[in-house]
């Protein structure tokens, strides 16, 4: 097992910080990049959207989070560890998670909900291993449950006035309950990146997302 996989497997919480790029100050949506830190705020990995070049830039400006894209999680030596594939969907968005050898870990499925945020987390066999069913009034918190037992949660943290107003720079904490498998922890980390792109990209939520 690689070091980063072991760290995630043993983690009680992880910080996910979006990397600010200067282009966002003038309204140009740049590809999403994140730093991943342990509970002591030591950097352990980073994630980056892989759609680059002119085509990727145009699609980000025109389609926003409706575009298809891939995100790769790298360790500190810049070695790819996990891959996330986000295919095009108008509604009920899906994110597939695998390791770099092509072994599927699971996928996330957005579910229909009115004024709620609802996802199912599936393992490699398609079994639902966690659910998110968060109230619209708890817009900053995404809590995972399985059979009414809390598995952990994602919480968006305040980034500061200037960051919130002028950029898409978002900070999150992913906290884990004890005795979770490494696979579920990776899927929860991937969910953090997915909900940031769906709900917080461009510093606004499209009304259609409240119904899907």
N, C-alpha and C. Protein backbone atom coordinates (compact mmCIF):
# COMPACT_ATOMS: atom_id res chain seq x y z
N UNK A 1 0.84 -1.19 0.00
CA UNK A 1 0.00 0.00 0.00
C UNK A 1 0.88 1.25 0.00
N UNK A 2 0.53 2.22 -0.89
CA UNK A 2 1.31 3.44 -0.94
C UNK A 2 1.10 4.26 0.33
N UNK A 3 2.02 5.19 0.58
CA UNK A 3 1.96 5.99 1.80
C UNK A 3 0.69 6.82 1.87
N UNK A 4 0.29 7.43 0.76
CA UNK A 4 -0.89 8.29 0.78
C UNK A 4 -2.15 7.47 1.06
N UNK A 5 -2.23 6.25 0.52
CA UNK A 5 -3.39 5.40 0.78
C UNK A 5 -3.44 5.03 2.26
N UNK A 6 -2.29 4.76 2.85
CA UNK A 6 -2.24 4.44 4.26
C UNK A 6 -2.66 5.63 5.12
N UNK A 7 -2.19 6.83 4.74
CA UNK A 7 -2.54 8.03 5.49
C UNK A 7 -4.06 8.26 5.46
N UNK A 8 -4.65 8.14 4.27
CA UNK A 8 -6.10 8.31 4.16
C UNK A 8 -6.83 7.24 4.97
N UNK A 9 -6.33 6.01 4.89
CA UNK A 9 -6.96 4.91 5.62
C UNK A 9 -6.94 5.10 7.12
N UNK A 10 -5.94 5.81 7.64
CA UNK A 10 -5.80 6.01 9.09
C UNK A 10 -6.32 7.37 9.56
N UNK A 11 -6.71 8.23 8.62
CA UNK A 11 -7.06 9.61 8.97
C UNK A 11 -8.37 9.70 9.74
N UNK A 12 -8.41 10.63 10.68
CA UNK A 12 -9.65 10.98 11.37
C UNK A 12 -10.34 12.14 10.66
N UNK A 13 -9.55 12.99 10.04
CA UNK A 13 -10.11 14.06 9.23
C UNK A 13 -9.07 14.53 8.23
N UNK A 14 -9.55 15.15 7.16
CA UNK A 14 -8.70 15.72 6.14
C UNK A 14 -9.19 17.12 5.81
N UNK A 15 -8.26 18.01 5.52
CA UNK A 15 -8.59 19.35 5.03
C UNK A 15 -8.45 19.36 3.51
N UNK A 16 -9.42 19.95 2.83
CA UNK A 16 -9.36 20.09 1.38
C UNK A 16 -9.47 21.57 1.07
N UNK A 17 -8.42 22.13 0.48
CA UNK A 17 -8.36 23.56 0.21
C UNK A 17 -8.21 23.80 -1.28
N UNK A 18 -9.15 24.55 -1.82
CA UNK A 18 -9.05 24.87 -3.24
C UNK A 18 -7.92 25.86 -3.47
N UNK A 19 -7.15 25.64 -4.52
CA UNK A 19 -6.01 26.50 -4.84
C UNK A 19 -6.50 27.67 -5.67
N UNK A 20 -6.21 28.86 -5.19
CA UNK A 20 -6.63 30.09 -5.86
C UNK A 20 -5.75 30.37 -7.07
N UNK A 21 -6.39 30.79 -8.16
CA UNK A 21 -5.65 31.24 -9.34
C UNK A 21 -6.09 32.65 -9.69
N UNK A 22 -5.14 33.46 -10.12
CA UNK A 22 -5.40 34.87 -10.37
C UNK A 22 -6.45 35.14 -11.41
N UNK A 23 -6.64 34.21 -12.37
CA UNK A 23 -7.62 34.44 -13.42
C UNK A 23 -9.03 34.64 -12.86
N UNK A 24 -9.34 34.02 -11.70
CA UNK A 24 -10.68 34.10 -11.16
C UNK A 24 -11.02 35.52 -10.70
N UNK A 25 -10.01 36.33 -10.43
CA UNK A 25 -10.25 37.71 -10.03
C UNK A 25 -10.89 38.52 -11.14
N UNK A 26 -10.70 38.10 -12.40
CA UNK A 26 -11.31 38.82 -13.52
C UNK A 26 -12.42 38.01 -14.16
N UNK A 27 -12.93 37.01 -13.42
CA UNK A 27 -14.13 36.30 -13.87
C UNK A 27 -13.90 35.12 -14.77
N UNK A 28 -12.66 34.68 -14.96
CA UNK A 28 -12.38 33.52 -15.81
C UNK A 28 -12.27 32.29 -14.93
N UNK A 29 -13.11 31.30 -15.19
CA UNK A 29 -13.14 30.08 -14.38
C UNK A 29 -11.98 29.18 -14.78
N UNK A 30 -11.03 28.97 -13.87
CA UNK A 30 -9.87 28.13 -14.16
C UNK A 30 -10.14 26.71 -13.68
N UNK A 31 -9.29 25.77 -14.12
CA UNK A 31 -9.52 24.37 -13.73
C UNK A 31 -9.35 24.22 -12.24
N UNK A 32 -10.15 23.33 -11.67
CA UNK A 32 -10.17 23.15 -10.23
C UNK A 32 -8.92 22.40 -9.75
N UNK A 33 -8.29 22.96 -8.72
CA UNK A 33 -7.14 22.33 -8.10
C UNK A 33 -7.26 22.44 -6.59
N UNK A 34 -6.80 21.42 -5.89
CA UNK A 34 -6.99 21.36 -4.44
C UNK A 34 -5.73 20.85 -3.76
N UNK A 35 -5.47 21.38 -2.56
CA UNK A 35 -4.48 20.81 -1.65
C UNK A 35 -5.22 19.95 -0.64
N UNK A 36 -4.66 18.79 -0.33
CA UNK A 36 -5.24 17.89 0.67
C UNK A 36 -4.25 17.80 1.82
N UNK A 37 -4.73 18.10 3.03
CA UNK A 37 -3.87 18.16 4.20
C UNK A 37 -4.41 17.23 5.29
N UNK A 38 -3.52 16.76 6.16
CA UNK A 38 -3.95 15.91 7.26
C UNK A 38 -4.52 16.77 8.38
N UNK A 39 -4.85 16.14 9.52
CA UNK A 39 -5.51 16.86 10.61
C UNK A 39 -4.61 17.90 11.24
N UNK A 40 -3.29 17.81 11.05
CA UNK A 40 -2.35 18.81 11.55
C UNK A 40 -2.01 19.85 10.49
N UNK A 41 -2.77 19.81 9.40
CA UNK A 41 -2.60 20.75 8.28
C UNK A 41 -1.28 20.55 7.55
N UNK A 42 -0.72 19.34 7.60
CA UNK A 42 0.45 19.01 6.79
C UNK A 42 -0.02 18.54 5.41
N UNK A 43 0.55 19.06 4.33
CA UNK A 43 0.13 18.62 3.00
C UNK A 43 0.50 17.16 2.75
N UNK A 44 -0.48 16.40 2.25
CA UNK A 44 -0.23 14.98 1.97
C UNK A 44 -0.50 14.63 0.51
N UNK A 45 -1.28 15.46 -0.18
CA UNK A 45 -1.64 15.15 -1.56
C UNK A 45 -2.23 16.39 -2.21
N UNK A 46 -2.48 16.31 -3.48
CA UNK A 46 -3.21 17.37 -4.16
C UNK A 46 -4.03 16.76 -5.29
N UNK A 47 -5.06 17.48 -5.70
CA UNK A 47 -5.94 17.01 -6.76
C UNK A 47 -6.07 18.09 -7.82
N UNK A 48 -6.20 17.68 -9.06
CA UNK A 48 -6.27 18.65 -10.15
C UNK A 48 -7.18 18.14 -11.26
N UNK A 49 -8.02 19.05 -11.75
CA UNK A 49 -8.83 18.76 -12.92
C UNK A 49 -7.92 18.63 -14.13
N UNK A 50 -8.18 17.64 -14.97
CA UNK A 50 -7.27 17.34 -16.07
C UNK A 50 -7.68 17.96 -17.41
N UNK A 51 -8.81 18.63 -17.46
CA UNK A 51 -9.22 19.26 -18.72
C UNK A 51 -8.46 20.56 -18.90
N UNK A 52 -7.47 20.53 -19.77
CA UNK A 52 -6.60 21.69 -19.97
C UNK A 52 -6.74 22.19 -21.41
N UNK A 53 -6.01 23.22 -21.76
CA UNK A 53 -6.02 23.74 -23.11
C UNK A 53 -7.22 24.62 -23.38
N UNK A 54 -7.31 25.10 -24.63
CA UNK A 54 -8.35 26.04 -25.01
C UNK A 54 -9.74 25.43 -24.91
N UNK A 55 -9.88 24.17 -25.35
CA UNK A 55 -11.20 23.53 -25.30
C UNK A 55 -11.70 23.41 -23.87
N UNK A 56 -10.82 22.97 -22.96
CA UNK A 56 -11.20 22.85 -21.57
C UNK A 56 -11.60 24.19 -20.97
N UNK A 57 -10.86 25.25 -21.32
CA UNK A 57 -11.17 26.58 -20.81
C UNK A 57 -12.54 27.05 -21.29
N UNK A 58 -12.83 26.84 -22.58
CA UNK A 58 -14.12 27.27 -23.13
C UNK A 58 -15.27 26.51 -22.47
N UNK A 59 -15.10 25.20 -22.31
CA UNK A 59 -16.18 24.41 -21.71
C UNK A 59 -16.43 24.83 -20.26
N UNK A 60 -15.38 25.19 -19.53
CA UNK A 60 -15.58 25.64 -18.15
C UNK A 60 -16.40 26.93 -18.11
N UNK A 61 -16.14 27.85 -19.05
CA UNK A 61 -16.86 29.12 -19.05
C UNK A 61 -18.30 28.94 -19.51
N UNK A 62 -18.54 28.05 -20.48
CA UNK A 62 -19.87 27.92 -21.08
C UNK A 62 -20.76 26.96 -20.31
N UNK A 63 -20.22 25.80 -19.94
CA UNK A 63 -21.04 24.75 -19.33
C UNK A 63 -20.94 24.69 -17.82
N UNK A 64 -19.89 25.29 -17.24
CA UNK A 64 -19.75 25.23 -15.80
C UNK A 64 -19.68 23.80 -15.31
N UNK A 65 -20.43 23.48 -14.24
CA UNK A 65 -20.35 22.14 -13.67
C UNK A 65 -21.15 21.10 -14.46
N UNK A 66 -21.78 21.50 -15.57
CA UNK A 66 -22.45 20.52 -16.41
C UNK A 66 -21.49 19.85 -17.38
N UNK A 67 -20.27 20.32 -17.45
CA UNK A 67 -19.31 19.73 -18.37
C UNK A 67 -18.84 18.36 -17.85
N UNK A 68 -18.25 17.57 -18.72
CA UNK A 68 -17.58 16.35 -18.28
C UNK A 68 -16.11 16.70 -18.00
N UNK A 69 -15.51 16.00 -17.04
CA UNK A 69 -14.10 16.25 -16.74
C UNK A 69 -13.55 15.10 -15.92
N UNK A 70 -12.24 15.09 -15.78
CA UNK A 70 -11.53 14.11 -14.95
C UNK A 70 -10.69 14.84 -13.92
N UNK A 71 -10.63 14.29 -12.72
CA UNK A 71 -9.79 14.83 -11.64
C UNK A 71 -8.86 13.71 -11.19
N UNK A 72 -7.59 14.04 -11.01
CA UNK A 72 -6.61 13.07 -10.52
C UNK A 72 -6.09 13.54 -9.16
N UNK A 73 -5.98 12.58 -8.23
CA UNK A 73 -5.35 12.86 -6.94
C UNK A 73 -3.92 12.34 -7.00
N UNK A 74 -2.96 13.21 -6.67
CA UNK A 74 -1.54 12.90 -6.70
C UNK A 74 -0.99 12.88 -5.28
N UNK A 75 0.05 12.08 -5.07
CA UNK A 75 0.74 12.16 -3.78
C UNK A 75 1.76 13.30 -3.82
N UNK A 76 2.53 13.45 -2.78
CA UNK A 76 3.46 14.56 -2.68
C UNK A 76 4.58 14.50 -3.71
N UNK A 77 4.87 13.32 -4.21
CA UNK A 77 5.89 13.18 -5.26
C UNK A 77 5.30 13.32 -6.66
N UNK A 78 4.05 13.76 -6.75
CA UNK A 78 3.33 13.98 -8.01
C UNK A 78 3.01 12.68 -8.75
N UNK A 79 2.95 11.59 -8.00
CA UNK A 79 2.56 10.32 -8.59
C UNK A 79 1.04 10.17 -8.49
N UNK A 80 0.35 9.87 -9.60
CA UNK A 80 -1.11 9.70 -9.54
C UNK A 80 -1.49 8.53 -8.64
N UNK A 81 -2.54 8.72 -7.85
CA UNK A 81 -2.99 7.68 -6.92
C UNK A 81 -4.44 7.28 -7.20
N UNK A 82 -5.31 8.28 -7.40
CA UNK A 82 -6.73 8.02 -7.66
C UNK A 82 -7.19 8.87 -8.84
N UNK A 83 -8.20 8.37 -9.53
CA UNK A 83 -8.79 9.10 -10.64
C UNK A 83 -10.29 9.20 -10.45
N UNK A 84 -10.84 10.35 -10.82
CA UNK A 84 -12.28 10.58 -10.76
C UNK A 84 -12.78 11.00 -12.13
N UNK A 85 -13.81 10.33 -12.60
CA UNK A 85 -14.41 10.63 -13.90
C UNK A 85 -15.82 11.16 -13.69
N UNK A 86 -16.08 12.34 -14.25
CA UNK A 86 -17.36 13.02 -14.09
C UNK A 86 -17.96 13.19 -15.48
N UNK A 87 -18.80 12.25 -15.94
CA UNK A 87 -19.37 12.35 -17.29
C UNK A 87 -20.44 13.43 -17.38
N UNK A 88 -20.74 13.85 -18.59
CA UNK A 88 -21.74 14.89 -18.79
C UNK A 88 -23.12 14.43 -18.33
N UNK A 89 -23.78 15.25 -17.53
CA UNK A 89 -25.15 15.01 -17.10
C UNK A 89 -25.83 16.37 -16.89
N UNK A 90 -27.04 16.53 -17.43
CA UNK A 90 -27.80 17.72 -17.09
C UNK A 90 -28.32 17.61 -15.66
N UNK A 91 -28.79 16.41 -15.29
CA UNK A 91 -29.32 16.18 -13.96
C UNK A 91 -28.78 14.85 -13.42
N UNK A 92 -28.92 14.64 -12.09
CA UNK A 92 -28.54 13.39 -11.45
C UNK A 92 -27.09 13.01 -11.79
N UNK A 93 -26.20 13.88 -11.40
CA UNK A 93 -24.79 13.75 -11.77
C UNK A 93 -24.14 12.55 -11.07
N UNK A 94 -23.15 11.98 -11.74
CA UNK A 94 -22.46 10.78 -11.26
C UNK A 94 -20.96 11.02 -11.30
N UNK A 95 -20.25 10.50 -10.30
CA UNK A 95 -18.79 10.56 -10.28
C UNK A 95 -18.25 9.15 -10.03
N UNK A 96 -17.37 8.69 -10.92
CA UNK A 96 -16.77 7.35 -10.79
C UNK A 96 -15.35 7.49 -10.26
N UNK A 97 -15.00 6.65 -9.30
CA UNK A 97 -13.69 6.74 -8.63
C UNK A 97 -12.96 5.42 -8.82
N UNK A 98 -11.69 5.52 -9.22
CA UNK A 98 -10.86 4.33 -9.41
C UNK A 98 -9.44 4.63 -8.99
N UNK A 99 -8.62 3.60 -8.87
CA UNK A 99 -7.19 3.85 -8.66
C UNK A 99 -6.52 3.99 -10.01
N UNK A 100 -5.23 4.27 -10.00
CA UNK A 100 -4.54 4.55 -11.27
C UNK A 100 -4.27 3.28 -12.08
N UNK A 101 -4.54 2.13 -11.49
CA UNK A 101 -4.41 0.88 -12.24
C UNK A 101 -5.71 0.47 -12.90
N UNK A 102 -6.72 1.32 -12.76
CA UNK A 102 -8.00 1.05 -13.40
C UNK A 102 -8.98 0.25 -12.57
N UNK A 103 -8.62 -0.03 -11.31
CA UNK A 103 -9.52 -0.78 -10.44
C UNK A 103 -10.57 0.17 -9.87
N UNK A 104 -11.85 -0.12 -10.13
CA UNK A 104 -12.92 0.74 -9.65
C UNK A 104 -13.03 0.64 -8.13
N UNK A 105 -13.22 1.80 -7.48
CA UNK A 105 -13.43 1.85 -6.04
C UNK A 105 -14.91 2.01 -5.71
N UNK A 106 -15.61 2.75 -6.53
CA UNK A 106 -17.03 2.97 -6.34
C UNK A 106 -17.48 4.19 -7.11
N UNK A 107 -18.71 4.61 -6.89
CA UNK A 107 -19.20 5.80 -7.55
C UNK A 107 -20.21 6.53 -6.68
N UNK A 108 -20.43 7.80 -6.99
CA UNK A 108 -21.36 8.66 -6.29
C UNK A 108 -22.49 9.00 -7.24
N UNK A 109 -23.72 8.96 -6.74
CA UNK A 109 -24.87 9.23 -7.58
C UNK A 109 -25.75 10.29 -6.92
N UNK A 110 -25.90 11.42 -7.61
CA UNK A 110 -26.82 12.44 -7.13
C UNK A 110 -28.25 11.96 -7.34
N UNK A 111 -29.12 12.20 -6.35
CA UNK A 111 -30.50 11.73 -6.40
C UNK A 111 -31.46 12.91 -6.46
N UNK A 112 -32.68 12.62 -6.96
CA UNK A 112 -33.70 13.66 -7.00
C UNK A 112 -34.09 14.09 -5.59
N UNK A 113 -34.15 15.39 -5.38
CA UNK A 113 -34.56 15.92 -4.09
C UNK A 113 -35.01 17.36 -4.28
N UNK A 114 -36.01 17.77 -3.53
CA UNK A 114 -36.50 19.14 -3.59
C UNK A 114 -35.98 19.89 -2.36
N UNK A 115 -35.17 20.92 -2.62
CA UNK A 115 -34.56 21.74 -1.57
C UNK A 115 -33.75 20.91 -0.58
N UNK A 116 -33.10 19.88 -1.09
CA UNK A 116 -32.19 19.08 -0.28
C UNK A 116 -30.99 18.73 -1.14
N UNK A 117 -29.96 18.19 -0.51
CA UNK A 117 -28.79 17.69 -1.21
C UNK A 117 -28.73 16.19 -0.94
N UNK A 118 -28.91 15.39 -1.96
CA UNK A 118 -29.09 13.96 -1.76
C UNK A 118 -28.17 13.17 -2.69
N UNK A 119 -27.34 12.30 -2.11
CA UNK A 119 -26.43 11.44 -2.87
C UNK A 119 -26.46 10.04 -2.29
N UNK A 120 -26.21 9.06 -3.16
CA UNK A 120 -25.90 7.70 -2.73
C UNK A 120 -24.44 7.42 -3.05
N UNK A 121 -23.75 6.77 -2.13
CA UNK A 121 -22.36 6.36 -2.33
C UNK A 121 -22.34 4.84 -2.52
N UNK A 122 -21.86 4.38 -3.67
CA UNK A 122 -21.87 2.96 -4.01
C UNK A 122 -20.46 2.39 -3.96
N UNK A 123 -20.33 1.15 -3.51
CA UNK A 123 -19.04 0.48 -3.56
C UNK A 123 -18.82 -0.13 -4.93
N UNK A 124 -17.73 -0.87 -5.10
CA UNK A 124 -17.37 -1.43 -6.40
C UNK A 124 -18.42 -2.42 -6.90
N UNK A 125 -19.18 -3.01 -6.01
CA UNK A 125 -20.22 -3.98 -6.40
C UNK A 125 -21.58 -3.33 -6.60
N UNK A 126 -21.64 -2.01 -6.49
CA UNK A 126 -22.90 -1.31 -6.68
C UNK A 126 -23.76 -1.20 -5.44
N UNK A 127 -23.28 -1.70 -4.30
CA UNK A 127 -24.04 -1.61 -3.06
C UNK A 127 -23.96 -0.19 -2.49
N UNK A 128 -25.08 0.30 -1.97
CA UNK A 128 -25.08 1.62 -1.32
C UNK A 128 -24.44 1.49 0.06
N UNK A 129 -23.30 2.14 0.24
CA UNK A 129 -22.56 2.05 1.51
C UNK A 129 -22.70 3.32 2.35
N UNK A 130 -23.26 4.36 1.76
CA UNK A 130 -23.48 5.61 2.51
C UNK A 130 -24.49 6.46 1.73
N UNK A 131 -25.17 7.31 2.47
CA UNK A 131 -26.13 8.24 1.88
C UNK A 131 -25.91 9.63 2.44
N UNK A 132 -26.15 10.63 1.60
CA UNK A 132 -26.23 12.03 2.05
C UNK A 132 -27.66 12.48 1.79
N UNK A 133 -28.29 13.04 2.80
CA UNK A 133 -29.65 13.56 2.64
C UNK A 133 -29.76 14.82 3.49
N UNK A 134 -29.08 15.88 3.03
CA UNK A 134 -28.93 17.08 3.85
C UNK A 134 -30.00 18.11 3.54
N UNK A 135 -30.47 18.77 4.55
CA UNK A 135 -31.47 19.81 4.41
C UNK A 135 -30.90 21.02 3.69
N UNK A 136 -31.74 21.71 2.93
CA UNK A 136 -31.34 22.95 2.28
C UNK A 136 -30.85 23.97 3.30
N UNK A 137 -31.38 23.91 4.52
CA UNK A 137 -31.02 24.88 5.55
C UNK A 137 -29.68 24.55 6.22
N UNK A 138 -29.08 23.39 5.86
CA UNK A 138 -27.73 23.06 6.33
C UNK A 138 -26.83 22.99 5.09
N UNK A 139 -26.82 24.10 4.36
CA UNK A 139 -26.20 24.10 3.04
C UNK A 139 -24.70 23.88 3.09
N UNK A 140 -24.07 24.12 4.24
CA UNK A 140 -22.62 24.02 4.33
C UNK A 140 -22.16 22.66 4.85
N UNK A 141 -23.10 21.76 5.15
CA UNK A 141 -22.76 20.48 5.76
C UNK A 141 -23.35 19.32 4.96
N UNK A 142 -22.52 18.31 4.69
CA UNK A 142 -22.93 17.10 3.99
C UNK A 142 -22.57 15.91 4.89
N UNK A 143 -23.58 15.33 5.52
CA UNK A 143 -23.31 14.24 6.46
C UNK A 143 -23.64 12.89 5.83
N UNK A 144 -22.76 11.92 6.06
CA UNK A 144 -22.90 10.57 5.50
C UNK A 144 -23.54 9.65 6.55
N UNK A 145 -24.52 8.85 6.10
CA UNK A 145 -25.17 7.89 6.99
C UNK A 145 -25.23 6.52 6.31
N UNK A 146 -25.24 5.50 7.13
CA UNK A 146 -25.52 4.14 6.66
C UNK A 146 -26.32 3.43 7.74
N UNK A 147 -27.54 3.02 7.36
CA UNK A 147 -28.45 2.40 8.34
C UNK A 147 -28.61 3.27 9.58
N UNK A 148 -28.81 4.57 9.35
CA UNK A 148 -29.03 5.56 10.42
C UNK A 148 -27.80 5.80 11.29
N UNK A 149 -26.65 5.27 10.91
CA UNK A 149 -25.40 5.51 11.65
C UNK A 149 -24.56 6.53 10.90
N UNK A 150 -24.10 7.54 11.62
CA UNK A 150 -23.27 8.56 10.99
C UNK A 150 -21.88 8.00 10.70
N UNK A 151 -21.41 8.22 9.46
CA UNK A 151 -20.07 7.78 9.06
C UNK A 151 -19.07 8.93 9.04
N UNK A 152 -19.58 10.14 9.04
CA UNK A 152 -18.71 11.31 8.95
C UNK A 152 -19.42 12.41 8.20
N UNK A 153 -18.71 13.49 7.93
CA UNK A 153 -19.34 14.60 7.23
C UNK A 153 -18.31 15.49 6.54
N UNK A 154 -18.82 16.27 5.62
CA UNK A 154 -18.06 17.30 4.93
C UNK A 154 -18.62 18.64 5.38
N UNK A 155 -17.75 19.55 5.78
CA UNK A 155 -18.18 20.88 6.18
C UNK A 155 -17.37 21.93 5.42
N UNK A 156 -18.08 22.86 4.81
CA UNK A 156 -17.41 23.97 4.15
C UNK A 156 -17.06 25.01 5.19
N UNK A 157 -15.84 25.51 5.11
CA UNK A 157 -15.36 26.50 6.06
C UNK A 157 -15.25 27.86 5.38
N UNK A 158 -15.45 28.91 6.15
CA UNK A 158 -15.37 30.28 5.64
C UNK A 158 -13.95 30.58 5.20
N UNK A 159 -13.81 31.08 3.97
CA UNK A 159 -12.48 31.32 3.39
C UNK A 159 -12.00 32.75 3.58
N UNK A 160 -12.85 33.60 4.11
CA UNK A 160 -12.49 35.01 4.23
C UNK A 160 -13.25 35.84 3.21
N UNK A 161 -13.53 37.08 3.55
CA UNK A 161 -14.40 37.92 2.74
C UNK A 161 -13.93 38.07 1.30
N UNK A 162 -12.63 38.40 1.12
CA UNK A 162 -12.15 38.64 -0.24
C UNK A 162 -12.18 37.37 -1.07
N UNK A 163 -11.80 36.24 -0.48
CA UNK A 163 -11.82 34.98 -1.22
C UNK A 163 -13.24 34.62 -1.63
N UNK A 164 -14.21 34.81 -0.72
CA UNK A 164 -15.59 34.44 -1.01
C UNK A 164 -16.19 35.33 -2.09
N UNK A 165 -15.87 36.60 -2.06
CA UNK A 165 -16.48 37.54 -3.00
C UNK A 165 -15.89 37.44 -4.39
N UNK A 166 -14.56 37.36 -4.48
CA UNK A 166 -13.91 37.50 -5.76
C UNK A 166 -13.46 36.19 -6.40
N UNK A 167 -13.41 35.10 -5.66
CA UNK A 167 -12.91 33.85 -6.23
C UNK A 167 -13.79 32.69 -5.82
N UNK A 168 -13.48 31.50 -6.38
CA UNK A 168 -14.15 30.26 -6.03
C UNK A 168 -13.35 29.48 -4.99
N UNK A 169 -12.49 30.14 -4.26
CA UNK A 169 -11.62 29.44 -3.31
C UNK A 169 -12.44 28.93 -2.13
N UNK A 170 -12.53 27.62 -2.00
CA UNK A 170 -13.33 27.00 -0.95
C UNK A 170 -12.45 26.11 -0.08
N UNK A 171 -12.77 26.06 1.20
CA UNK A 171 -12.07 25.21 2.15
C UNK A 171 -13.07 24.26 2.79
N UNK A 172 -12.68 22.99 2.93
CA UNK A 172 -13.56 21.98 3.50
C UNK A 172 -12.80 21.15 4.53
N UNK A 173 -13.55 20.56 5.46
CA UNK A 173 -13.03 19.55 6.37
C UNK A 173 -13.85 18.28 6.15
N UNK A 174 -13.17 17.17 5.89
CA UNK A 174 -13.81 15.87 5.78
C UNK A 174 -13.47 15.09 7.04
N UNK A 175 -14.46 14.83 7.88
CA UNK A 175 -14.22 14.12 9.14
C UNK A 175 -14.80 12.71 9.05
N UNK A 176 -14.08 11.76 9.63
CA UNK A 176 -14.44 10.35 9.55
C UNK A 176 -14.73 9.78 10.94
N UNK A 177 -15.77 8.96 11.01
CA UNK A 177 -16.01 8.19 12.22
C UNK A 177 -15.06 6.99 12.25
N UNK A 178 -14.83 6.38 13.42
CA UNK A 178 -13.91 5.23 13.50
C UNK A 178 -14.41 4.02 12.69
N UNK A 179 -13.45 3.16 12.36
CA UNK A 179 -13.72 1.84 11.76
C UNK A 179 -14.30 1.91 10.36
N UNK A 180 -13.92 2.94 9.59
CA UNK A 180 -14.32 3.01 8.19
C UNK A 180 -13.21 2.42 7.33
N UNK A 181 -13.60 1.79 6.23
CA UNK A 181 -12.61 1.24 5.32
C UNK A 181 -11.93 2.36 4.54
N UNK A 182 -10.76 2.05 4.02
CA UNK A 182 -10.04 3.02 3.20
C UNK A 182 -10.85 3.41 1.99
N UNK A 183 -11.57 2.45 1.38
CA UNK A 183 -12.36 2.72 0.18
C UNK A 183 -13.46 3.74 0.47
N UNK A 184 -14.16 3.58 1.59
CA UNK A 184 -15.22 4.53 1.91
C UNK A 184 -14.63 5.92 2.18
N UNK A 185 -13.48 5.97 2.82
CA UNK A 185 -12.84 7.27 3.08
C UNK A 185 -12.45 7.96 1.78
N UNK A 186 -11.95 7.20 0.82
CA UNK A 186 -11.61 7.77 -0.49
C UNK A 186 -12.86 8.28 -1.19
N UNK A 187 -13.96 7.52 -1.13
CA UNK A 187 -15.21 7.94 -1.75
C UNK A 187 -15.75 9.20 -1.09
N UNK A 188 -15.59 9.32 0.22
CA UNK A 188 -16.02 10.53 0.92
C UNK A 188 -15.16 11.73 0.52
N UNK A 189 -13.86 11.50 0.35
CA UNK A 189 -12.97 12.57 -0.12
C UNK A 189 -13.36 13.01 -1.53
N UNK A 190 -13.67 12.05 -2.39
CA UNK A 190 -14.10 12.36 -3.75
C UNK A 190 -15.42 13.12 -3.74
N UNK A 191 -16.31 12.77 -2.81
CA UNK A 191 -17.58 13.48 -2.68
C UNK A 191 -17.35 14.95 -2.35
N UNK A 192 -16.35 15.23 -1.52
CA UNK A 192 -16.03 16.62 -1.18
C UNK A 192 -15.72 17.43 -2.43
N UNK A 193 -14.90 16.87 -3.31
CA UNK A 193 -14.55 17.58 -4.54
C UNK A 193 -15.76 17.71 -5.45
N UNK A 194 -16.59 16.65 -5.51
CA UNK A 194 -17.78 16.69 -6.36
C UNK A 194 -18.76 17.77 -5.90
N UNK A 195 -19.04 17.84 -4.59
CA UNK A 195 -20.02 18.83 -4.13
C UNK A 195 -19.47 20.25 -4.25
N UNK A 196 -18.16 20.41 -4.15
CA UNK A 196 -17.60 21.74 -4.36
C UNK A 196 -17.87 22.21 -5.79
N UNK A 197 -17.66 21.33 -6.75
CA UNK A 197 -17.85 21.71 -8.15
C UNK A 197 -19.33 21.90 -8.47
N UNK A 198 -20.20 21.04 -7.92
CA UNK A 198 -21.63 21.15 -8.20
C UNK A 198 -22.26 22.36 -7.52
N UNK A 199 -21.96 22.56 -6.24
CA UNK A 199 -22.70 23.54 -5.45
C UNK A 199 -21.98 24.86 -5.23
N UNK A 200 -20.65 24.88 -5.34
CA UNK A 200 -19.94 26.10 -4.98
C UNK A 200 -19.11 26.70 -6.11
N UNK A 201 -19.00 26.02 -7.23
CA UNK A 201 -18.28 26.60 -8.36
C UNK A 201 -19.01 27.84 -8.83
N UNK A 202 -18.25 28.88 -9.20
CA UNK A 202 -18.78 30.18 -9.62
C UNK A 202 -19.45 30.94 -8.48
N UNK A 203 -19.20 30.48 -7.22
CA UNK A 203 -19.76 31.18 -6.05
C UNK A 203 -21.27 31.30 -6.07
N UNK A 204 -21.97 30.36 -6.71
CA UNK A 204 -23.42 30.42 -6.70
C UNK A 204 -23.96 29.03 -6.95
N UNK A 205 -25.21 28.82 -6.60
CA UNK A 205 -25.89 27.57 -6.85
C UNK A 205 -26.98 27.82 -7.86
N UNK A 206 -26.98 27.07 -8.94
CA UNK A 206 -28.02 27.17 -9.93
C UNK A 206 -29.31 26.58 -9.36
N UNK A 207 -30.45 27.22 -9.64
CA UNK A 207 -31.71 26.74 -9.08
C UNK A 207 -32.03 25.33 -9.49
N UNK A 208 -31.55 24.87 -10.67
CA UNK A 208 -31.85 23.52 -11.10
C UNK A 208 -31.21 22.49 -10.20
N UNK A 209 -30.11 22.84 -9.53
CA UNK A 209 -29.45 21.89 -8.64
C UNK A 209 -30.25 21.63 -7.37
N UNK A 210 -31.16 22.52 -7.02
CA UNK A 210 -31.96 22.31 -5.83
C UNK A 210 -33.02 21.24 -6.05
N UNK A 211 -33.26 20.89 -7.31
CA UNK A 211 -34.29 19.92 -7.63
C UNK A 211 -33.73 18.64 -8.20
N UNK A 212 -32.41 18.43 -8.09
CA UNK A 212 -31.80 17.25 -8.69
C UNK A 212 -30.73 16.68 -7.78
